[in-house]
Amino acid sequence: MKTDIQQQFDALFATHAQKIAQERQAKAVKESREDDFEREFKLRCDTSITSAFGQLGEYLKTKGLKTRVEQTQERRGRDGTLQRERAITLRLLTGDEDRHYPEYEQPHLSLICDKSKQLVHIIESTTTLQSGGQTHTLGSVNIEQLTDEFLQQKVLQLLQDVLGSGQ
């Protein structure tokens, strides 16, 4: 092989190897950023969000409404597929406690970690056994916006939607 052609091959492969190395480095940085965000969300769930939901649950219990706080790392969608996502949910327990009701038949407020977008999605479900309802996304926020007051407002909104006062 002629030297100049071999040098062109070598340059081509060196450029290609450099491109692959840059892509790997960018992927590692992105994954690290996503892992950091997910860890921060989990920490916030384990501390302040669980505490806020627990306090709200205790208050709602005095009004005759039981709640349950659930943290998940993955869940099954309605279509049965397994979806990997870290989330925390405040579920309003309606109906007979001795029976198991599907999650989608209980009103709830869920905070779902979207590590790729660095946001937390807020999902509200007003579906109950007695009256149906709907599930929709209320919006997406930064982790820093998940204050006690913010969570209290979202649970109040959920209860207004479920109980029908919607004011």
C-alpha atoms as a PDB file:
ATOM      1  CA  MET A   1       0.000   0.000   0.000  1.00  0.00           C
ATOM      2  CA  LYS A   2       1.260   3.409  -0.852  1.00  0.00           C
ATOM      3  CA  THR A   3       2.365   5.495   2.110  1.00  0.00           C
ATOM      4  CA  ASP A   4       0.069   8.435   1.370  1.00  0.00           C
ATOM      5  CA  ILE A   5      -2.999   6.168   1.084  1.00  0.00           C
ATOM      6  CA  GLN A   6      -2.042   4.394   4.312  1.00  0.00           C
ATOM      7  CA  GLN A   7      -1.714   7.776   6.033  1.00  0.00           C
ATOM      8  CA  GLN A   8      -5.179   8.713   4.808  1.00  0.00           C
ATOM      9  CA  PHE A   9      -6.554   5.455   6.232  1.00  0.00           C
ATOM     10  CA  ASP A  10      -4.732   6.099   9.503  1.00  0.00           C
ATOM     11  CA  ALA A  11      -6.077   9.662   9.691  1.00  0.00           C
ATOM     12  CA  LEU A  12      -9.593   8.468   8.950  1.00  0.00           C
ATOM     13  CA  PHE A  13      -9.480   5.828  11.686  1.00  0.00           C
ATOM     14  CA  ALA A  14      -7.836   8.215  14.156  1.00  0.00           C
ATOM     15  CA  THR A  15     -10.610  10.749  13.551  1.00  0.00           C
ATOM     16  CA  HIS A  16     -13.216   8.001  13.919  1.00  0.00           C
ATOM     17  CA  ALA A  17     -11.652   6.772  17.184  1.00  0.00           C
ATOM     18  CA  GLN A  18     -11.581  10.346  18.510  1.00  0.00           C
ATOM     19  CA  LYS A  19     -15.270  10.788  17.616  1.00  0.00           C
ATOM     20  CA  ILE A  20     -16.192   7.551  19.413  1.00  0.00           C
ATOM     21  CA  ALA A  21     -14.186   8.624  22.485  1.00  0.00           C
ATOM     22  CA  GLN A  22     -15.976  12.003  22.534  1.00  0.00           C
ATOM     23  CA  GLU A  23     -19.386  10.301  22.228  1.00  0.00           C
ATOM     24  CA  ARG A  24     -18.528   7.953  25.095  1.00  0.00           C
ATOM     25  CA  GLN A  25     -17.377  10.852  27.239  1.00  0.00           C
ATOM     26  CA  ALA A  26     -20.544  12.856  26.463  1.00  0.00           C
ATOM     27  CA  LYS A  27     -22.669   9.804  27.301  1.00  0.00           C
ATOM     28  CA  ALA A  28     -20.821   9.301  30.591  1.00  0.00           C
ATOM     29  CA  VAL A  29     -21.286  12.977  31.530  1.00  0.00           C
ATOM     30  CA  LYS A  30     -25.003  12.783  30.669  1.00  0.00           C
ATOM     31  CA  GLU A  31     -25.464   9.557  32.649  1.00  0.00           C
ATOM     32  CA  SER A  32     -23.601  11.057  35.597  1.00  0.00           C
ATOM     33  CA  ARG A  33     -25.821  14.157  35.484  1.00  0.00           C
ATOM     34  CA  GLU A  34     -28.928  11.951  35.281  1.00  0.00           C
ATOM     35  CA  ASP A  35     -27.720   9.764  38.167  1.00  0.00           C
ATOM     36  CA  ASP A  36     -27.038  12.875  40.268  1.00  0.00           C
ATOM     37  CA  PHE A  37     -30.541  14.182  39.556  1.00  0.00           C
ATOM     38  CA  GLU A  38     -32.148  10.843  40.400  1.00  0.00           C
ATOM     39  CA  ARG A  39     -30.129  10.647  43.663  1.00  0.00           C
ATOM     40  CA  GLU A  40     -31.203  14.187  44.558  1.00  0.00           C
ATOM     41  CA  PHE A  41     -34.850  13.298  43.855  1.00  0.00           C
ATOM     42  CA  LYS A  42     -34.592  10.129  45.981  1.00  0.00           C
ATOM     43  CA  LEU A  43     -33.009  12.079  48.832  1.00  0.00           C
ATOM     44  CA  ARG A  44     -35.766  14.692  48.624  1.00  0.00           C
ATOM     45  CA  CYS A  45     -38.386  11.897  48.590  1.00  0.00           C
ATOM     46  CA  ASP A  46     -36.816  10.159  51.580  1.00  0.00           C
ATOM     47  CA  THR A  47     -36.750  13.358  53.612  1.00  0.00           C
ATOM     48  CA  SER A  48     -38.897  16.387  52.918  1.00  0.00           C
ATOM     49  CA  ILE A  49     -41.518  14.977  50.516  1.00  0.00           C
ATOM     50  CA  THR A  50     -42.238  11.914  52.655  1.00  0.00           C
ATOM     51  CA  SER A  51     -42.456  14.184  55.697  1.00  0.00           C
ATOM     52  CA  ALA A  52     -44.803  16.635  53.966  1.00  0.00           C
ATOM     53  CA  PHE A  53     -47.023  13.834  52.628  1.00  0.00           C
ATOM     54  CA  GLY A  54     -47.010  12.208  56.082  1.00  0.00           C
ATOM     55  CA  GLN A  55     -48.104  15.425  57.767  1.00  0.00           C
ATOM     56  CA  LEU A  56     -50.828  15.901  55.177  1.00  0.00           C
ATOM     57  CA  GLY A  57     -51.913  12.305  55.729  1.00  0.00           C
ATOM     58  CA  GLU A  58     -52.159  12.838  59.465  1.00  0.00           C
ATOM     59  CA  TYR A  59     -54.268  15.948  58.938  1.00  0.00           C
ATOM     60  CA  LEU A  60     -56.538  14.229  56.409  1.00  0.00           C
ATOM     61  CA  LYS A  61     -56.969  11.331  58.829  1.00  0.00           C
ATOM     62  CA  THR A  62     -58.552  13.785  61.310  1.00  0.00           C
ATOM     63  CA  LYS A  63     -61.056  14.559  58.551  1.00  0.00           C
ATOM     64  CA  GLY A  64     -61.856  10.879  58.009  1.00  0.00           C
ATOM     65  CA  LEU A  65     -59.714  10.309  54.929  1.00  0.00           C
ATOM     66  CA  LYS A  66     -56.924   7.729  54.986  1.00  0.00           C
ATOM     67  CA  THR A  67     -53.846   8.032  52.818  1.00  0.00           C
ATOM     68  CA  ARG A  68     -50.800   6.007  51.914  1.00  0.00           C
ATOM     69  CA  VAL A  69     -47.400   7.208  50.706  1.00  0.00           C
ATOM     70  CA  GLU A  70     -45.652   4.969  48.207  1.00  0.00           C
ATOM     71  CA  GLN A  71     -42.226   5.213  46.619  1.00  0.00           C
ATOM     72  CA  THR A  72     -41.485   3.257  43.476  1.00  0.00           C
ATOM     73  CA  GLN A  73     -38.550   2.689  41.211  1.00  0.00           C
ATOM     74  CA  GLU A  74     -40.592   1.020  38.513  1.00  0.00           C
ATOM     75  CA  ARG A  75     -44.242   0.416  37.820  1.00  0.00           C
ATOM     76  CA  ARG A  76     -46.525  -1.419  35.456  1.00  0.00           C
ATOM     77  CA  GLY A  77     -48.469   0.714  33.033  1.00  0.00           C
ATOM     78  CA  ARG A  78     -52.085   0.022  32.207  1.00  0.00           C
ATOM     79  CA  ASP A  79     -50.872  -1.884  29.163  1.00  0.00           C
ATOM     80  CA  GLY A  80     -48.844  -4.175  31.426  1.00  0.00           C
ATOM     81  CA  THR A  81     -45.401  -2.984  30.352  1.00  0.00           C
ATOM     82  CA  LEU A  82     -42.760  -2.356  32.982  1.00  0.00           C
ATOM     83  CA  GLN A  83     -41.683   1.271  33.148  1.00  0.00           C
ATOM     84  CA  ARG A  84     -38.555   2.302  35.038  1.00  0.00           C
ATOM     85  CA  GLU A  85     -39.120   5.548  36.836  1.00  0.00           C
ATOM     86  CA  ARG A  86     -38.563   6.775  40.350  1.00  0.00           C
ATOM     87  CA  ALA A  87     -41.712   8.267  41.842  1.00  0.00           C
ATOM     88  CA  ILE A  88     -43.465   9.085  45.079  1.00  0.00           C
ATOM     89  CA  THR A  89     -47.234   9.016  45.394  1.00  0.00           C
ATOM     90  CA  LEU A  90     -49.752  10.181  47.964  1.00  0.00           C
ATOM     91  CA  ARG A  91     -52.734   7.878  47.503  1.00  0.00           C
ATOM     92  CA  LEU A  92     -56.188   8.651  48.918  1.00  0.00           C
ATOM     93  CA  LEU A  93     -57.648   5.402  50.194  1.00  0.00           C
ATOM     94  CA  THR A  94     -61.273   5.132  49.237  1.00  0.00           C
ATOM     95  CA  GLY A  95     -63.402   2.040  49.569  1.00  0.00           C
ATOM     96  CA  ASP A  96     -63.063  -1.050  51.700  1.00  0.00           C
ATOM     97  CA  GLU A  97     -59.545  -1.411  53.114  1.00  0.00           C
ATOM     98  CA  ASP A  98     -59.804  -5.212  53.210  1.00  0.00           C
ATOM     99  CA  ARG A  99     -60.106  -5.380  49.426  1.00  0.00           C
ATOM    100  CA  HIS A 100     -57.348  -4.597  46.972  1.00  0.00           C
ATOM    101  CA  TYR A 101     -58.204  -1.985  44.403  1.00  0.00           C
ATOM    102  CA  PRO A 102     -56.077  -1.317  41.340  1.00  0.00           C
ATOM    103  CA  GLU A 103     -53.898   1.765  41.714  1.00  0.00           C
ATOM    104  CA  TYR A 104     -55.647   3.497  38.852  1.00  0.00           C
ATOM    105  CA  GLU A 105     -58.965   3.287  40.750  1.00  0.00           C
ATOM    106  CA  GLN A 106     -57.701   5.374  43.658  1.00  0.00           C
ATOM    107  CA  PRO A 107     -57.190   9.131  43.523  1.00  0.00           C
ATOM    108  CA  HIS A 108     -53.577  10.142  43.941  1.00  0.00           C
ATOM    109  CA  LEU A 109     -50.906  12.739  43.408  1.00  0.00           C
ATOM    110  CA  SER A 110     -47.639  11.447  41.987  1.00  0.00           C
ATOM    111  CA  LEU A 111     -44.268  13.114  41.590  1.00  0.00           C
ATOM    112  CA  ILE A 112     -42.292  11.381  38.866  1.00  0.00           C
ATOM    113  CA  CYS A 113     -38.565  11.880  38.316  1.00  0.00           C
ATOM    114  CA  ASP A 114     -37.597  12.586  34.724  1.00  0.00           C
ATOM    115  CA  LYS A 115     -33.837  12.404  34.946  1.00  0.00           C
ATOM    116  CA  SER A 116     -33.277  13.009  31.241  1.00  0.00           C
ATOM    117  CA  LYS A 117     -35.136  16.345  31.348  1.00  0.00           C
ATOM    118  CA  GLN A 118     -34.022  17.148  34.922  1.00  0.00           C
ATOM    119  CA  LEU A 119     -37.655  17.769  35.918  1.00  0.00           C
ATOM    120  CA  VAL A 120     -40.288  16.320  38.213  1.00  0.00           C
ATOM    121  CA  HIS A 121     -43.646  15.652  36.563  1.00  0.00           C
ATOM    122  CA  ILE A 122     -46.756  16.107  38.703  1.00  0.00           C
ATOM    123  CA  ILE A 123     -49.549  13.675  37.889  1.00  0.00           C
ATOM    124  CA  GLU A 124     -53.023  13.906  39.381  1.00  0.00           C
ATOM    125  CA  SER A 125     -55.601  11.137  39.200  1.00  0.00           C
ATOM    126  CA  THR A 126     -59.148  11.830  40.341  1.00  0.00           C
ATOM    127  CA  THR A 127     -60.392   8.351  39.472  1.00  0.00           C
ATOM    128  CA  THR A 128     -62.459   6.739  42.234  1.00  0.00           C
ATOM    129  CA  LEU A 129     -64.430   3.526  42.450  1.00  0.00           C
ATOM    130  CA  GLN A 130     -67.710   5.391  42.707  1.00  0.00           C
ATOM    131  CA  SER A 131     -67.441   8.073  40.077  1.00  0.00           C
ATOM    132  CA  GLY A 132     -64.694   7.452  37.567  1.00  0.00           C
ATOM    133  CA  GLY A 133     -62.405  10.420  36.981  1.00  0.00           C
ATOM    134  CA  GLN A 134     -59.361  11.284  34.979  1.00  0.00           C
ATOM    135  CA  THR A 135     -55.595  11.264  35.132  1.00  0.00           C
ATOM    136  CA  HIS A 136     -53.593  14.160  33.818  1.00  0.00           C
ATOM    137  CA  THR A 137     -50.275  15.930  34.149  1.00  0.00           C
ATOM    138  CA  LEU A 138     -50.503  19.122  36.187  1.00  0.00           C
ATOM    139  CA  GLY A 139     -47.086  20.248  35.019  1.00  0.00           C
ATOM    140  CA  SER A 140     -43.383  19.801  35.522  1.00  0.00           C
ATOM    141  CA  VAL A 141     -41.141  21.558  38.022  1.00  0.00           C
ATOM    142  CA  ASN A 142     -37.550  21.705  39.187  1.00  0.00           C
ATOM    143  CA  ILE A 143     -36.701  19.776  42.338  1.00  0.00           C
ATOM    144  CA  GLU A 144     -36.180  23.035  44.241  1.00  0.00           C
ATOM    145  CA  GLN A 145     -39.859  23.929  43.721  1.00  0.00           C
ATOM    146  CA  LEU A 146     -41.044  20.902  45.726  1.00  0.00           C
ATOM    147  CA  THR A 147     -41.593  22.788  48.971  1.00  0.00           C
ATOM    148  CA  ASP A 148     -44.075  21.842  51.707  1.00  0.00           C
ATOM    149  CA  GLU A 149     -46.368  24.692  50.660  1.00  0.00           C
ATOM    150  CA  PHE A 150     -46.229  23.648  47.002  1.00  0.00           C
ATOM    151  CA  LEU A 151     -47.130  20.051  47.904  1.00  0.00           C
ATOM    152  CA  GLN A 152     -49.934  21.202  50.198  1.00  0.00           C
ATOM    153  CA  GLN A 153     -51.408  23.280  47.358  1.00  0.00           C
ATOM    154  CA  LYS A 154     -51.280  20.311  44.968  1.00  0.00           C
ATOM    155  CA  VAL A 155     -52.973  17.991  47.478  1.00  0.00           C
ATOM    156  CA  LEU A 156     -55.619  20.652  48.145  1.00  0.00           C
ATOM    157  CA  GLN A 157     -56.207  20.888  44.391  1.00  0.00           C
ATOM    158  CA  LEU A 158     -56.510  17.078  44.190  1.00  0.00           C
ATOM    159  CA  LEU A 159     -59.067  17.028  46.990  1.00  0.00           C
ATOM    160  CA  GLN A 160     -61.036  19.852  45.375  1.00  0.00           C
ATOM    161  CA  ASP A 161     -61.108  17.905  42.128  1.00  0.00           C
ATOM    162  CA  VAL A 162     -62.056  14.603  43.814  1.00  0.00           C
ATOM    163  CA  LEU A 163     -64.635  16.014  46.212  1.00  0.00           C
ATOM    164  CA  GLY A 164     -66.130  18.216  43.541  1.00  0.00           C
ATOM    165  CA  SER A 165     -65.730  21.686  45.016  1.00  0.00           C
ATOM    166  CA  GLY A 166     -63.143  22.605  42.354  1.00  0.00           C
ATOM    167  CA  GLN A 167     -62.818  26.183  43.649  1.00  0.00           C
END
